[in-house]
Amino acid sequence: MSPFGARWAHLRAVLFDLDGTLIDSAEDLARAANAMRAKRGLTPLPLAQYRPHGGSGARGMLGQAFAIGPGQSGYDELKREFLDRYEALMYDSTHPFAGIAAELAGLAAVGLAWGVVTNKAERFALPLTTALRLGAQAVVGGDTTGHAKPHPAPLLEAARRLGVAPQACLYVGDDERDVIAGRAAGMTTAVAAWGYLGPEADHSRWGADIVLTEPGELLKQLGLA
C-alpha cells in the first residue's frame, strides 16, 4: 500500500536528477572551467554566469568559458581537460541542497525506494553520491545505458533496478529534458524549481505534474508531511 496521499496513491518510488536537484555542484564545475581560463591567461568568470548552465556539465561550462560547443574544432580536447580537472576537485564545495537530507530521510522513513538518474557519467556520479552519503538505492549515469536524458532509457533502467514499474515512479529534475524523459518513460514528473533550470527557462511550460519551490515541499505535496 502506498503511503502517499490519495492523488499520488499509484506511486511506489521517487527518482531524482543529481546536479541542480539533489546537489549544488555549480561552484566546483565553475572552478574547473576557470582553472582552464587561467591556464590560458584569461580572467575568471563569475559563478553567477556559470550557474544557470550547471545542469549541462562540460558542455555548459565550456560554452560559457570559451564560447565553444560540441562539434566545433578543439571542443573534444577541451572537454577531456575539463573532465580531468573537475574530477580532481569535484568534492571540494559540492553539497546537498538545504532540506534534501530531511527529504530523503522522510522517504526512507515510510519505506519508499529512491534513486538517482543523472546525465553525469558513472565516473563522477557513483563516487560523488557515495562521498556525499546520499544513500541512493540505484544510481544510473548518462553512460549507464548508452543513452542520456531526454531519452527515457536511463529512467527505465533505474525503475528496473528498484523493482518498481515505471508508472509507479515519480521523477524529479530541474531541466526540461527531465520532464521530457519522465513523460516518455511513463512516469509522474516534478520540477525542482530551486535548481539550475537553464538560462531564461520557463518551467511553467514544461508540462510537469508537480512544481516544487524548495526540497521540503515534496513531502508535503505527496501527503507525507
N, C-alpha and C. Protein backbone atom coordinates (compact mmCIF):
# COMPACT_ATOMS: atom_id res chain seq x y z
N MET A 1 0.84 -1.20 0.00
CA MET A 1 0.00 0.00 0.00
C MET A 1 0.88 1.25 0.00
N SER A 2 0.53 2.23 -0.83
CA SER A 2 1.32 3.45 -0.91
C SER A 2 1.05 4.35 0.29
N PRO A 3 2.12 4.96 0.83
CA PRO A 3 1.94 5.90 1.94
C PRO A 3 1.58 7.30 1.47
N PHE A 4 1.55 7.52 0.15
CA PHE A 4 1.27 8.84 -0.39
C PHE A 4 -0.20 9.21 -0.20
N GLY A 5 -0.46 10.53 -0.34
CA GLY A 5 -1.83 10.99 -0.33
C GLY A 5 -2.60 10.40 -1.51
N ALA A 6 -3.93 10.52 -1.48
CA ALA A 6 -4.79 9.85 -2.44
C ALA A 6 -4.43 10.15 -3.89
N ARG A 7 -4.07 11.41 -4.17
CA ARG A 7 -3.79 11.78 -5.56
C ARG A 7 -2.60 11.02 -6.11
N TRP A 8 -1.65 10.67 -5.25
CA TRP A 8 -0.43 10.02 -5.69
C TRP A 8 -0.34 8.57 -5.20
N ALA A 9 -1.48 7.96 -4.99
CA ALA A 9 -1.51 6.61 -4.42
C ALA A 9 -0.86 5.56 -5.32
N HIS A 10 -0.68 5.90 -6.61
CA HIS A 10 -0.08 4.94 -7.53
C HIS A 10 1.44 4.89 -7.40
N LEU A 11 2.03 5.85 -6.71
CA LEU A 11 3.49 5.93 -6.65
C LEU A 11 4.09 4.96 -5.64
N ARG A 12 5.25 4.40 -6.02
CA ARG A 12 5.96 3.47 -5.14
C ARG A 12 7.43 3.86 -4.97
N ALA A 13 7.92 4.78 -5.80
CA ALA A 13 9.34 5.15 -5.73
C ALA A 13 9.53 6.57 -6.28
N VAL A 14 10.62 7.19 -5.84
CA VAL A 14 10.98 8.53 -6.32
C VAL A 14 12.39 8.48 -6.90
N LEU A 15 12.54 9.03 -8.09
CA LEU A 15 13.84 9.14 -8.74
C LEU A 15 14.18 10.62 -8.85
N PHE A 16 15.47 10.93 -8.68
CA PHE A 16 15.92 12.31 -8.71
C PHE A 16 17.04 12.50 -9.72
N ASP A 17 17.02 13.65 -10.40
CA ASP A 17 18.21 14.13 -11.08
C ASP A 17 19.23 14.45 -9.99
N LEU A 18 20.50 14.65 -10.36
CA LEU A 18 21.54 14.89 -9.37
C LEU A 18 21.91 16.38 -9.27
N ASP A 19 22.67 16.88 -10.23
CA ASP A 19 23.12 18.28 -10.20
C ASP A 19 21.95 19.23 -10.36
N GLY A 20 21.81 20.15 -9.43
CA GLY A 20 20.74 21.13 -9.50
C GLY A 20 19.44 20.64 -8.90
N THR A 21 19.39 19.39 -8.50
CA THR A 21 18.18 18.83 -7.87
C THR A 21 18.49 18.32 -6.47
N LEU A 22 19.41 17.38 -6.36
CA LEU A 22 19.84 16.91 -5.05
C LEU A 22 21.05 17.67 -4.54
N ILE A 23 21.98 17.97 -5.44
CA ILE A 23 23.24 18.59 -5.00
C ILE A 23 23.52 19.89 -5.75
N ASP A 24 24.22 20.78 -5.06
CA ASP A 24 24.67 22.03 -5.66
C ASP A 24 26.15 21.87 -6.01
N SER A 25 26.42 21.64 -7.25
CA SER A 25 27.79 21.37 -7.74
C SER A 25 28.32 22.50 -8.61
N ALA A 26 27.56 23.58 -8.74
CA ALA A 26 27.91 24.64 -9.68
C ALA A 26 29.27 25.25 -9.39
N GLU A 27 29.60 25.43 -8.11
CA GLU A 27 30.86 26.09 -7.79
C GLU A 27 32.05 25.27 -8.24
N ASP A 28 32.01 23.96 -8.02
CA ASP A 28 33.14 23.12 -8.45
C ASP A 28 33.23 23.04 -9.97
N LEU A 29 32.10 22.98 -10.64
CA LEU A 29 32.10 22.98 -12.10
C LEU A 29 32.71 24.29 -12.62
N ALA A 30 32.31 25.40 -12.01
CA ALA A 30 32.83 26.71 -12.44
C ALA A 30 34.33 26.82 -12.17
N ARG A 31 34.78 26.30 -11.04
CA ARG A 31 36.20 26.37 -10.70
C ARG A 31 37.05 25.61 -11.72
N ALA A 32 36.53 24.48 -12.18
CA ALA A 32 37.27 23.71 -13.19
C ALA A 32 37.38 24.52 -14.48
N ALA A 33 36.30 25.16 -14.88
CA ALA A 33 36.32 25.97 -16.11
C ALA A 33 37.23 27.17 -15.95
N ASN A 34 37.18 27.81 -14.79
CA ASN A 34 38.02 28.99 -14.58
C ASN A 34 39.50 28.63 -14.49
N ALA A 35 39.80 27.43 -13.99
CA ALA A 35 41.20 26.98 -13.97
C ALA A 35 41.72 26.85 -15.40
N MET A 36 40.86 26.42 -16.30
CA MET A 36 41.26 26.33 -17.70
C MET A 36 41.46 27.72 -18.29
N ARG A 37 40.63 28.66 -17.92
CA ARG A 37 40.80 30.03 -18.40
C ARG A 37 42.12 30.61 -17.87
N ALA A 38 42.40 30.36 -16.60
CA ALA A 38 43.63 30.89 -16.01
C ALA A 38 44.86 30.35 -16.72
N LYS A 39 44.81 29.07 -17.07
CA LYS A 39 45.93 28.44 -17.78
C LYS A 39 46.21 29.15 -19.10
N ARG A 40 45.17 29.75 -19.66
CA ARG A 40 45.30 30.40 -20.96
C ARG A 40 45.39 31.92 -20.82
N GLY A 41 45.63 32.40 -19.62
CA GLY A 41 45.83 33.82 -19.40
C GLY A 41 44.56 34.64 -19.40
N LEU A 42 43.42 33.98 -19.20
CA LEU A 42 42.14 34.67 -19.20
C LEU A 42 41.66 34.89 -17.76
N THR A 43 40.90 35.95 -17.54
CA THR A 43 40.38 36.23 -16.21
C THR A 43 39.21 35.29 -15.89
N PRO A 44 38.97 35.01 -14.61
CA PRO A 44 37.86 34.12 -14.25
C PRO A 44 36.51 34.78 -14.51
N LEU A 45 35.52 33.96 -14.80
CA LEU A 45 34.15 34.43 -14.95
C LEU A 45 33.42 34.23 -13.63
N PRO A 46 32.42 35.04 -13.33
CA PRO A 46 31.70 34.91 -12.06
C PRO A 46 30.84 33.65 -12.02
N LEU A 47 30.67 33.13 -10.81
CA LEU A 47 29.83 31.94 -10.63
C LEU A 47 28.43 32.16 -11.17
N ALA A 48 27.92 33.36 -11.01
CA ALA A 48 26.56 33.65 -11.47
C ALA A 48 26.40 33.42 -12.97
N GLN A 49 27.47 33.59 -13.72
CA GLN A 49 27.39 33.35 -15.17
C GLN A 49 27.36 31.87 -15.48
N TYR A 50 28.09 31.08 -14.71
CA TYR A 50 28.13 29.64 -14.94
C TYR A 50 26.89 28.92 -14.40
N ARG A 51 26.37 29.41 -13.29
CA ARG A 51 25.38 28.66 -12.52
C ARG A 51 24.16 28.17 -13.32
N PRO A 52 23.52 29.01 -14.14
CA PRO A 52 22.35 28.51 -14.88
C PRO A 52 22.67 27.36 -15.83
N HIS A 53 23.95 27.17 -16.14
CA HIS A 53 24.37 26.13 -17.07
C HIS A 53 24.92 24.90 -16.36
N GLY A 54 24.81 24.88 -15.03
CA GLY A 54 25.37 23.77 -14.25
C GLY A 54 24.82 22.41 -14.63
N GLY A 55 23.57 22.36 -15.03
CA GLY A 55 22.96 21.09 -15.39
C GLY A 55 23.46 20.53 -16.72
N SER A 56 24.18 21.34 -17.47
CA SER A 56 24.68 20.90 -18.78
C SER A 56 26.12 20.39 -18.71
N GLY A 57 26.71 20.37 -17.50
CA GLY A 57 28.04 19.79 -17.33
C GLY A 57 29.11 20.47 -18.16
N ALA A 58 29.97 19.65 -18.77
CA ALA A 58 31.09 20.17 -19.55
C ALA A 58 30.60 21.06 -20.69
N ARG A 59 29.55 20.66 -21.34
CA ARG A 59 29.04 21.47 -22.46
C ARG A 59 28.66 22.87 -21.98
N GLY A 60 27.97 22.95 -20.87
CA GLY A 60 27.55 24.25 -20.37
C GLY A 60 28.71 25.09 -19.89
N MET A 61 29.65 24.47 -19.17
CA MET A 61 30.77 25.22 -18.63
C MET A 61 31.70 25.71 -19.74
N LEU A 62 31.99 24.84 -20.69
CA LEU A 62 32.87 25.24 -21.79
C LEU A 62 32.21 26.26 -22.70
N GLY A 63 30.92 26.18 -22.83
CA GLY A 63 30.20 27.16 -23.63
C GLY A 63 30.36 28.55 -23.05
N GLN A 64 30.32 28.64 -21.72
CA GLN A 64 30.50 29.94 -21.08
C GLN A 64 31.96 30.37 -21.07
N ALA A 65 32.84 29.43 -20.74
CA ALA A 65 34.25 29.78 -20.58
C ALA A 65 34.94 30.12 -21.90
N PHE A 66 34.55 29.41 -22.98
CA PHE A 66 35.27 29.58 -24.24
C PHE A 66 34.36 29.77 -25.46
N ALA A 67 33.06 29.92 -25.23
CA ALA A 67 32.11 30.10 -26.34
C ALA A 67 32.31 29.03 -27.41
N ILE A 68 32.37 27.78 -26.95
CA ILE A 68 32.59 26.65 -27.85
C ILE A 68 31.61 25.55 -27.49
N GLY A 69 31.22 24.77 -28.49
CA GLY A 69 30.27 23.71 -28.25
C GLY A 69 30.62 22.43 -28.99
N PRO A 70 29.90 21.35 -28.71
CA PRO A 70 30.16 20.07 -29.37
C PRO A 70 30.15 20.21 -30.88
N GLY A 71 31.08 19.53 -31.52
CA GLY A 71 31.19 19.57 -32.97
C GLY A 71 32.14 20.62 -33.49
N GLN A 72 32.50 21.58 -32.65
CA GLN A 72 33.44 22.62 -33.08
C GLN A 72 34.88 22.15 -32.89
N SER A 73 35.75 22.69 -33.70
CA SER A 73 37.16 22.32 -33.63
C SER A 73 37.74 22.62 -32.25
N GLY A 74 38.40 21.62 -31.67
CA GLY A 74 39.04 21.78 -30.37
C GLY A 74 38.16 21.47 -29.18
N TYR A 75 36.87 21.27 -29.42
CA TYR A 75 35.95 21.03 -28.29
C TYR A 75 36.28 19.75 -27.54
N ASP A 76 36.53 18.68 -28.26
CA ASP A 76 36.77 17.39 -27.60
C ASP A 76 38.00 17.45 -26.69
N GLU A 77 39.04 18.13 -27.13
CA GLU A 77 40.24 18.26 -26.31
C GLU A 77 39.96 19.07 -25.05
N LEU A 78 39.20 20.17 -25.21
CA LEU A 78 38.84 20.97 -24.05
C LEU A 78 37.96 20.19 -23.09
N LYS A 79 37.06 19.37 -23.63
CA LYS A 79 36.18 18.57 -22.78
C LYS A 79 36.98 17.59 -21.95
N ARG A 80 37.94 16.92 -22.56
CA ARG A 80 38.77 15.98 -21.81
C ARG A 80 39.52 16.68 -20.68
N GLU A 81 40.08 17.84 -21.00
CA GLU A 81 40.79 18.60 -19.97
C GLU A 81 39.84 19.03 -18.85
N PHE A 82 38.67 19.49 -19.24
CA PHE A 82 37.69 19.92 -18.23
C PHE A 82 37.31 18.78 -17.30
N LEU A 83 37.01 17.63 -17.86
CA LEU A 83 36.58 16.49 -17.04
C LEU A 83 37.69 16.04 -16.08
N ASP A 84 38.92 16.06 -16.54
CA ASP A 84 40.04 15.70 -15.67
C ASP A 84 40.18 16.70 -14.53
N ARG A 85 40.06 17.97 -14.85
CA ARG A 85 40.17 19.00 -13.82
C ARG A 85 39.01 18.89 -12.83
N TYR A 86 37.82 18.69 -13.35
CA TYR A 86 36.65 18.59 -12.49
C TYR A 86 36.75 17.38 -11.56
N GLU A 87 37.21 16.26 -12.08
CA GLU A 87 37.32 15.06 -11.27
C GLU A 87 38.24 15.28 -10.06
N ALA A 88 39.26 16.12 -10.23
CA ALA A 88 40.23 16.36 -9.17
C ALA A 88 39.68 17.25 -8.05
N LEU A 89 38.60 18.01 -8.33
CA LEU A 89 38.10 18.94 -7.32
C LEU A 89 36.60 18.82 -7.06
N MET A 90 35.97 17.79 -7.57
CA MET A 90 34.51 17.74 -7.51
C MET A 90 33.94 17.54 -6.11
N TYR A 91 34.79 17.23 -5.14
CA TYR A 91 34.32 17.08 -3.76
C TYR A 91 34.53 18.35 -2.93
N ASP A 92 35.19 19.34 -3.48
CA ASP A 92 35.64 20.49 -2.69
C ASP A 92 34.49 21.30 -2.10
N SER A 93 33.54 21.69 -2.93
CA SER A 93 32.46 22.57 -2.47
C SER A 93 31.07 22.00 -2.69
N THR A 94 30.96 20.91 -3.40
CA THR A 94 29.66 20.32 -3.71
C THR A 94 28.99 19.78 -2.45
N HIS A 95 27.70 20.04 -2.33
CA HIS A 95 26.95 19.60 -1.15
C HIS A 95 25.48 19.46 -1.51
N PRO A 96 24.73 18.68 -0.74
CA PRO A 96 23.29 18.60 -0.97
C PRO A 96 22.64 19.95 -0.69
N PHE A 97 21.60 20.28 -1.43
CA PHE A 97 20.85 21.49 -1.15
C PHE A 97 20.22 21.40 0.24
N ALA A 98 20.04 22.56 0.87
CA ALA A 98 19.40 22.59 2.18
C ALA A 98 18.02 21.94 2.09
N GLY A 99 17.74 21.04 3.01
CA GLY A 99 16.45 20.36 3.03
C GLY A 99 16.44 19.01 2.36
N ILE A 100 17.46 18.72 1.57
CA ILE A 100 17.49 17.44 0.85
C ILE A 100 17.65 16.27 1.82
N ALA A 101 18.55 16.39 2.78
CA ALA A 101 18.77 15.28 3.73
C ALA A 101 17.48 14.91 4.44
N ALA A 102 16.73 15.91 4.88
CA ALA A 102 15.46 15.65 5.58
C ALA A 102 14.44 15.03 4.63
N GLU A 103 14.47 15.48 3.39
CA GLU A 103 13.53 14.94 2.41
C GLU A 103 13.79 13.45 2.14
N LEU A 104 15.06 13.11 1.95
CA LEU A 104 15.40 11.72 1.70
C LEU A 104 15.11 10.85 2.93
N ALA A 105 15.36 11.42 4.10
CA ALA A 105 15.06 10.68 5.34
C ALA A 105 13.56 10.44 5.45
N GLY A 106 12.78 11.42 5.02
CA GLY A 106 11.32 11.28 5.06
C GLY A 106 10.83 10.17 4.14
N LEU A 107 11.43 10.06 2.96
CA LEU A 107 11.06 8.99 2.04
C LEU A 107 11.45 7.63 2.62
N ALA A 108 12.66 7.57 3.18
CA ALA A 108 13.14 6.32 3.75
C ALA A 108 12.29 5.89 4.94
N ALA A 109 11.80 6.87 5.72
CA ALA A 109 11.04 6.57 6.93
C ALA A 109 9.74 5.84 6.63
N VAL A 110 9.19 6.06 5.45
CA VAL A 110 7.95 5.37 5.09
C VAL A 110 8.22 4.19 4.16
N GLY A 111 9.50 3.84 4.02
CA GLY A 111 9.86 2.65 3.25
C GLY A 111 9.82 2.79 1.76
N LEU A 112 9.94 4.02 1.26
CA LEU A 112 9.90 4.23 -0.19
C LEU A 112 11.27 4.07 -0.82
N ALA A 113 11.32 3.40 -1.94
CA ALA A 113 12.57 3.27 -2.70
C ALA A 113 12.86 4.60 -3.38
N TRP A 114 14.16 4.91 -3.51
CA TRP A 114 14.50 6.11 -4.27
C TRP A 114 15.87 5.91 -4.92
N GLY A 115 16.06 6.63 -6.03
CA GLY A 115 17.32 6.51 -6.75
C GLY A 115 17.66 7.78 -7.50
N VAL A 116 18.81 7.75 -8.16
CA VAL A 116 19.33 8.89 -8.90
C VAL A 116 19.44 8.53 -10.38
N VAL A 117 18.98 9.41 -11.23
CA VAL A 117 19.17 9.29 -12.68
C VAL A 117 19.74 10.61 -13.16
N THR A 118 20.99 10.58 -13.62
CA THR A 118 21.70 11.79 -13.99
C THR A 118 22.39 11.61 -15.34
N ASN A 119 22.63 12.72 -16.01
CA ASN A 119 23.43 12.66 -17.23
C ASN A 119 24.92 12.69 -16.93
N LYS A 120 25.30 12.85 -15.68
CA LYS A 120 26.69 12.77 -15.27
C LYS A 120 27.18 11.35 -15.53
N ALA A 121 28.37 11.20 -16.07
CA ALA A 121 28.92 9.86 -16.32
C ALA A 121 29.12 9.13 -15.00
N GLU A 122 29.06 7.80 -15.04
CA GLU A 122 29.26 7.00 -13.84
C GLU A 122 30.60 7.31 -13.17
N ARG A 123 31.59 7.66 -13.96
CA ARG A 123 32.92 8.02 -13.44
C ARG A 123 32.84 9.08 -12.35
N PHE A 124 31.84 9.97 -12.45
CA PHE A 124 31.65 11.03 -11.47
C PHE A 124 30.47 10.75 -10.56
N ALA A 125 29.38 10.26 -11.11
CA ALA A 125 28.15 10.10 -10.35
C ALA A 125 28.27 9.08 -9.21
N LEU A 126 28.90 7.95 -9.49
CA LEU A 126 28.97 6.91 -8.47
C LEU A 126 29.82 7.32 -7.26
N PRO A 127 31.07 7.79 -7.47
CA PRO A 127 31.85 8.20 -6.30
C PRO A 127 31.29 9.43 -5.59
N LEU A 128 30.67 10.32 -6.34
CA LEU A 128 30.15 11.54 -5.72
C LEU A 128 28.95 11.23 -4.82
N THR A 129 28.03 10.41 -5.29
CA THR A 129 26.88 10.06 -4.46
C THR A 129 27.32 9.27 -3.23
N THR A 130 28.37 8.48 -3.37
CA THR A 130 28.90 7.74 -2.23
C THR A 130 29.54 8.69 -1.23
N ALA A 131 30.37 9.61 -1.72
CA ALA A 131 31.07 10.55 -0.84
C ALA A 131 30.10 11.43 -0.07
N LEU A 132 28.99 11.80 -0.69
CA LEU A 132 28.01 12.66 -0.05
C LEU A 132 27.03 11.88 0.82
N ARG A 133 27.18 10.55 0.82
CA ARG A 133 26.35 9.67 1.65
C ARG A 133 24.86 9.89 1.44
N LEU A 134 24.50 9.98 0.18
CA LEU A 134 23.10 10.21 -0.15
C LEU A 134 22.23 8.99 0.13
N GLY A 135 22.82 7.81 0.00
CA GLY A 135 22.07 6.60 0.31
C GLY A 135 21.12 6.13 -0.77
N ALA A 136 21.39 6.50 -2.02
CA ALA A 136 20.52 6.08 -3.13
C ALA A 136 20.55 4.57 -3.30
N GLN A 137 19.41 4.00 -3.58
CA GLN A 137 19.31 2.55 -3.81
C GLN A 137 19.64 2.17 -5.24
N ALA A 138 19.72 3.15 -6.12
CA ALA A 138 20.13 2.94 -7.51
C ALA A 138 20.69 4.24 -8.03
N VAL A 139 21.80 4.17 -8.77
CA VAL A 139 22.39 5.34 -9.41
C VAL A 139 22.64 5.00 -10.86
N VAL A 140 21.97 5.70 -11.75
CA VAL A 140 22.10 5.50 -13.19
C VAL A 140 22.70 6.76 -13.80
N GLY A 141 23.84 6.61 -14.46
CA GLY A 141 24.53 7.74 -15.06
C GLY A 141 24.19 7.92 -16.53
N GLY A 142 24.76 8.95 -17.10
CA GLY A 142 24.48 9.25 -18.51
C GLY A 142 25.05 8.24 -19.47
N ASP A 143 26.03 7.44 -19.00
CA ASP A 143 26.63 6.41 -19.86
C ASP A 143 26.27 5.00 -19.41
N THR A 144 25.34 4.85 -18.50
CA THR A 144 24.96 3.53 -17.99
C THR A 144 24.26 2.70 -19.05
N THR A 145 23.35 3.34 -19.78
CA THR A 145 22.53 2.61 -20.75
C THR A 145 22.94 2.87 -22.20
N GLY A 146 23.87 3.79 -22.41
CA GLY A 146 24.20 4.18 -23.78
C GLY A 146 23.32 5.30 -24.27
N HIS A 147 22.41 5.75 -23.43
CA HIS A 147 21.53 6.89 -23.75
C HIS A 147 21.56 7.87 -22.60
N ALA A 148 21.42 9.15 -22.91
CA ALA A 148 21.30 10.18 -21.89
C ALA A 148 19.93 10.83 -22.01
N LYS A 149 19.47 11.44 -20.92
CA LYS A 149 18.22 12.19 -20.98
C LYS A 149 18.34 13.30 -22.03
N PRO A 150 17.29 13.55 -22.80
CA PRO A 150 15.89 13.23 -22.55
C PRO A 150 15.41 11.85 -23.00
N HIS A 151 16.31 10.97 -23.41
CA HIS A 151 15.90 9.61 -23.72
C HIS A 151 15.41 8.94 -22.43
N PRO A 152 14.35 8.15 -22.49
CA PRO A 152 13.80 7.55 -21.27
C PRO A 152 14.58 6.35 -20.76
N ALA A 153 15.52 5.82 -21.53
CA ALA A 153 16.21 4.58 -21.14
C ALA A 153 16.84 4.63 -19.74
N PRO A 154 17.54 5.72 -19.36
CA PRO A 154 18.12 5.74 -18.02
C PRO A 154 17.08 5.66 -16.91
N LEU A 155 15.94 6.30 -17.10
CA LEU A 155 14.88 6.26 -16.10
C LEU A 155 14.27 4.86 -16.01
N LEU A 156 14.10 4.23 -17.15
CA LEU A 156 13.55 2.88 -17.16
C LEU A 156 14.51 1.89 -16.49
N GLU A 157 15.81 2.11 -16.68
CA GLU A 157 16.81 1.26 -16.04
C GLU A 157 16.78 1.43 -14.52
N ALA A 158 16.61 2.65 -14.06
CA ALA A 158 16.53 2.89 -12.62
C ALA A 158 15.31 2.22 -12.02
N ALA A 159 14.18 2.31 -12.70
CA ALA A 159 12.97 1.65 -12.22
C ALA A 159 13.18 0.14 -12.16
N ARG A 160 13.84 -0.40 -13.17
CA ARG A 160 14.12 -1.84 -13.18
C ARG A 160 14.98 -2.23 -11.99
N ARG A 161 16.00 -1.44 -11.71
CA ARG A 161 16.90 -1.76 -10.59
C ARG A 161 16.18 -1.68 -9.24
N LEU A 162 15.20 -0.79 -9.15
CA LEU A 162 14.44 -0.67 -7.91
C LEU A 162 13.32 -1.69 -7.82
N GLY A 163 13.04 -2.37 -8.93
CA GLY A 163 11.97 -3.36 -8.95
C GLY A 163 10.59 -2.73 -8.90
N VAL A 164 10.47 -1.53 -9.51
CA VAL A 164 9.22 -0.78 -9.50
C VAL A 164 8.80 -0.48 -10.94
N ALA A 165 7.53 -0.60 -11.24
CA ALA A 165 7.05 -0.27 -12.58
C ALA A 165 7.27 1.21 -12.86
N PRO A 166 7.64 1.58 -14.08
CA PRO A 166 7.85 2.99 -14.40
C PRO A 166 6.65 3.86 -14.05
N GLN A 167 5.44 3.34 -14.27
CA GLN A 167 4.23 4.11 -14.00
C GLN A 167 4.04 4.39 -12.51
N ALA A 168 4.79 3.68 -11.67
CA ALA A 168 4.69 3.89 -10.22
C ALA A 168 5.83 4.75 -9.69
N CYS A 169 6.58 5.41 -10.60
CA CYS A 169 7.71 6.25 -10.20
C CYS A 169 7.41 7.72 -10.42
N LEU A 170 7.95 8.55 -9.54
CA LEU A 170 7.97 9.99 -9.71
C LEU A 170 9.40 10.39 -10.03
N TYR A 171 9.59 11.19 -11.09
CA TYR A 171 10.93 11.67 -11.42
C TYR A 171 11.00 13.17 -11.18
N VAL A 172 12.00 13.60 -10.40
CA VAL A 172 12.18 14.99 -10.02
C VAL A 172 13.46 15.54 -10.66
N GLY A 173 13.36 16.64 -11.40
CA GLY A 173 14.54 17.22 -12.03
C GLY A 173 14.39 18.71 -12.25
N ASP A 174 15.50 19.36 -12.59
CA ASP A 174 15.49 20.83 -12.72
C ASP A 174 15.69 21.30 -14.16
N ASP A 175 15.49 20.42 -15.11
CA ASP A 175 15.68 20.77 -16.51
C ASP A 175 14.51 20.24 -17.33
N GLU A 176 14.20 20.92 -18.42
CA GLU A 176 13.08 20.46 -19.26
C GLU A 176 13.30 19.05 -19.76
N ARG A 177 14.56 18.68 -20.02
CA ARG A 177 14.81 17.32 -20.51
C ARG A 177 14.42 16.27 -19.47
N ASP A 178 14.42 16.65 -18.19
CA ASP A 178 13.99 15.72 -17.15
C ASP A 178 12.50 15.42 -17.27
N VAL A 179 11.74 16.45 -17.52
CA VAL A 179 10.30 16.27 -17.69
C VAL A 179 10.01 15.47 -18.95
N ILE A 180 10.73 15.79 -20.02
CA ILE A 180 10.55 15.06 -21.28
C ILE A 180 10.86 13.57 -21.09
N ALA A 181 11.98 13.30 -20.44
CA ALA A 181 12.38 11.91 -20.21
C ALA A 181 11.38 11.19 -19.31
N GLY A 182 10.94 11.87 -18.25
CA GLY A 182 9.99 11.26 -17.34
C GLY A 182 8.68 10.92 -18.02
N ARG A 183 8.18 11.83 -18.81
CA ARG A 183 6.92 11.58 -19.51
C ARG A 183 7.08 10.45 -20.53
N ALA A 184 8.22 10.43 -21.22
CA ALA A 184 8.46 9.37 -22.21
C ALA A 184 8.55 8.00 -21.54
N ALA A 185 9.01 7.99 -20.28
CA ALA A 185 9.11 6.73 -19.53
C ALA A 185 7.80 6.34 -18.87
N GLY A 186 6.80 7.20 -18.97
CA GLY A 186 5.51 6.91 -18.36
C GLY A 186 5.45 7.23 -16.88
N MET A 187 6.35 8.09 -16.42
CA MET A 187 6.42 8.43 -15.01
C MET A 187 5.72 9.75 -14.70
N THR A 188 5.33 9.92 -13.46
CA THR A 188 4.89 11.21 -12.97
C THR A 188 6.13 12.10 -12.87
N THR A 189 5.99 13.40 -13.13
CA THR A 189 7.17 14.28 -13.16
C THR A 189 6.99 15.48 -12.23
N ALA A 190 8.13 15.95 -11.71
CA ALA A 190 8.14 17.13 -10.86
C ALA A 190 9.34 17.99 -11.21
N VAL A 191 9.17 19.31 -11.17
CA VAL A 191 10.25 20.26 -11.41
C VAL A 191 10.83 20.71 -10.08
N ALA A 192 12.15 20.65 -9.97
CA ALA A 192 12.86 21.19 -8.82
C ALA A 192 13.21 22.64 -9.14
N ALA A 193 12.34 23.56 -8.77
CA ALA A 193 12.49 24.95 -9.19
C ALA A 193 13.61 25.68 -8.45
N TRP A 194 14.23 25.02 -7.47
CA TRP A 194 15.40 25.63 -6.81
C TRP A 194 16.69 25.36 -7.59
N GLY A 195 16.61 24.59 -8.66
CA GLY A 195 17.80 24.14 -9.37
C GLY A 195 18.31 25.13 -10.39
N TYR A 196 19.12 24.63 -11.32
CA TYR A 196 19.80 25.48 -12.29
C TYR A 196 18.86 25.92 -13.41
N LEU A 197 17.90 25.06 -13.76
CA LEU A 197 16.82 25.35 -14.71
C LEU A 197 17.28 25.69 -16.12
N GLY A 198 18.34 26.43 -16.27
CA GLY A 198 18.80 26.83 -17.60
C GLY A 198 18.48 28.29 -17.83
N PRO A 199 19.25 28.96 -18.70
CA PRO A 199 19.03 30.39 -18.94
C PRO A 199 17.66 30.66 -19.55
N GLU A 200 16.96 31.62 -18.96
CA GLU A 200 15.66 32.07 -19.46
C GLU A 200 14.64 30.94 -19.54
N ALA A 201 14.78 29.95 -18.68
CA ALA A 201 13.85 28.82 -18.69
C ALA A 201 12.51 29.23 -18.08
N ASP A 202 11.44 28.71 -18.64
CA ASP A 202 10.09 28.93 -18.10
C ASP A 202 9.52 27.56 -17.77
N HIS A 203 9.74 27.11 -16.53
CA HIS A 203 9.34 25.75 -16.17
C HIS A 203 7.82 25.55 -16.18
N SER A 204 7.06 26.64 -16.20
CA SER A 204 5.60 26.50 -16.25
C SER A 204 5.14 25.93 -17.58
N ARG A 205 6.01 25.97 -18.58
CA ARG A 205 5.66 25.46 -19.91
C ARG A 205 6.11 24.02 -20.13
N TRP A 206 6.76 23.43 -19.14
CA TRP A 206 7.34 22.10 -19.34
C TRP A 206 6.32 20.97 -19.22
N GLY A 207 5.18 21.24 -18.61
CA GLY A 207 4.14 20.21 -18.51
C GLY A 207 4.34 19.20 -17.41
N ALA A 208 5.09 19.57 -16.35
CA ALA A 208 5.30 18.66 -15.23
C ALA A 208 4.02 18.54 -14.40
N ASP A 209 3.89 17.42 -13.70
CA ASP A 209 2.72 17.21 -12.85
C ASP A 209 2.79 18.01 -11.56
N ILE A 210 4.01 18.26 -11.09
CA ILE A 210 4.22 18.98 -9.84
C ILE A 210 5.34 19.99 -10.04
N VAL A 211 5.22 21.17 -9.45
CA VAL A 211 6.31 22.15 -9.40
C VAL A 211 6.66 22.37 -7.94
N LEU A 212 7.91 22.15 -7.59
CA LEU A 212 8.39 22.25 -6.21
C LEU A 212 9.29 23.47 -6.09
N THR A 213 9.02 24.33 -5.13
CA THR A 213 9.82 25.54 -4.96
C THR A 213 11.00 25.33 -4.03
N GLU A 214 10.93 24.34 -3.15
CA GLU A 214 12.02 24.03 -2.24
C GLU A 214 11.96 22.54 -1.90
N PRO A 215 13.09 21.93 -1.53
CA PRO A 215 13.14 20.49 -1.32
C PRO A 215 12.08 19.95 -0.37
N GLY A 216 11.88 20.59 0.78
CA GLY A 216 10.93 20.06 1.75
C GLY A 216 9.51 20.00 1.26
N GLU A 217 9.22 20.71 0.17
CA GLU A 217 7.86 20.75 -0.35
C GLU A 217 7.42 19.42 -0.93
N LEU A 218 8.35 18.58 -1.35
CA LEU A 218 7.98 17.29 -1.94
C LEU A 218 7.18 16.45 -0.95
N LEU A 219 7.65 16.37 0.28
CA LEU A 219 6.94 15.56 1.28
C LEU A 219 5.52 16.08 1.50
N LYS A 220 5.36 17.39 1.48
CA LYS A 220 4.03 17.98 1.66
C LYS A 220 3.13 17.67 0.47
N GLN A 221 3.69 17.82 -0.73
CA GLN A 221 2.90 17.55 -1.94
C GLN A 221 2.42 16.11 -2.00
N LEU A 222 3.24 15.21 -1.49
CA LEU A 222 2.91 13.79 -1.55
C LEU A 222 2.09 13.33 -0.36
N GLY A 223 1.80 14.25 0.56
CA GLY A 223 0.98 13.91 1.72
C GLY A 223 1.74 13.18 2.80
N LEU A 224 3.08 13.39 2.83
CA LEU A 224 3.90 12.72 3.82
C LEU A 224 4.31 13.64 4.96
N ALA A 225 3.92 14.90 4.90
CA ALA A 225 4.26 15.85 5.95
C ALA A 225 3.13 16.84 6.16
